[in-house]
Amino acid sequence: TQVLGVEVTVRRVDLTGSGIVAICHRERMRQAIGILDLPLPDPPPDGVEWIEAYRHWALG
């Protein structure tokens, strides 16, 4: 997945007080990005239907 033009790997998904976040890694750096803010690759990953369901629920 690319974030701000940089290729990252989503290692896991966590639930925080503010919502669901993807924990993204690039080399030794790590960043939590809100799952609704994360651009999806093409083709989308397995389980994308859960992200879309969460988007529908969260955004109404």
Protein backbone atom coordinates (compact mmCIF):
# COMPACT_ATOMS: atom_id res chain seq x y z
CA THR A 1 0.00 0.00 0.00
CA GLN A 2 1.25 3.50 -0.74
CA VAL A 3 0.95 6.32 1.81
CA LEU A 4 1.99 9.79 0.62
CA GLY A 5 3.80 8.17 -2.29
CA VAL A 6 5.81 5.78 -0.09
CA GLU A 7 5.33 2.01 -0.20
CA VAL A 8 4.41 0.61 3.25
CA THR A 9 3.36 -2.77 4.60
CA VAL A 10 0.29 -3.13 6.82
CA ARG A 11 1.44 -5.49 9.56
CA ARG A 12 -1.67 -5.49 11.71
CA VAL A 13 -4.93 -3.73 12.49
CA ASP A 14 -5.70 -2.40 15.98
CA LEU A 15 -8.69 -0.89 17.74
CA THR A 16 -7.99 2.38 19.58
CA GLY A 17 -10.20 4.81 21.44
CA SER A 18 -10.62 6.81 18.25
CA GLY A 19 -11.35 3.91 15.90
CA ILE A 20 -9.67 1.22 13.83
CA VAL A 21 -6.08 1.85 12.71
CA ALA A 22 -3.69 0.05 10.40
CA ILE A 23 -0.15 -0.31 11.74
CA CYS A 24 2.05 0.41 8.72
CA HIS A 25 5.77 -0.37 8.50
CA ARG A 26 8.57 0.77 6.21
CA GLU A 27 11.98 -0.54 7.14
CA ARG A 28 12.39 0.42 10.84
CA MET A 29 9.67 3.08 10.89
CA ARG A 30 6.11 2.42 12.06
CA GLN A 31 2.97 4.57 11.80
CA ALA A 32 -0.66 4.05 12.81
CA ILE A 33 -3.06 5.29 10.13
CA GLY A 34 -6.83 5.38 10.47
CA ILE A 35 -8.26 2.55 8.39
CA LEU A 36 -10.65 4.97 6.69
CA ASP A 37 -7.69 7.19 5.68
CA LEU A 38 -5.61 4.34 4.29
CA PRO A 39 -5.58 4.11 0.49
CA LEU A 40 -6.41 0.59 -0.66
CA PRO A 41 -4.20 -1.09 -3.25
CA ASP A 42 -5.51 -2.34 -6.58
CA PRO A 43 -6.55 -5.10 -6.45
CA PRO A 44 -7.92 -4.67 -2.92
CA PRO A 45 -6.79 -7.13 -0.23
CA ASP A 46 -8.78 -10.02 1.17
CA GLY A 47 -11.25 -8.75 3.75
CA VAL A 48 -11.89 -5.42 2.02
CA GLU A 49 -15.62 -5.98 2.57
CA TRP A 50 -15.03 -5.49 6.32
CA ILE A 51 -13.31 -2.15 5.71
CA GLU A 52 -16.22 -1.05 3.51
CA ALA A 53 -18.75 -2.15 6.15
CA TYR A 54 -16.85 -0.17 8.81
CA ARG A 55 -16.73 2.86 6.47
CA HIS A 56 -20.50 2.63 5.97
CA TRP A 57 -21.11 2.35 9.72
CA ALA A 58 -18.65 5.10 10.72
CA LEU A 59 -19.65 7.64 8.09
CA GLY A 60 -23.35 6.84 8.03
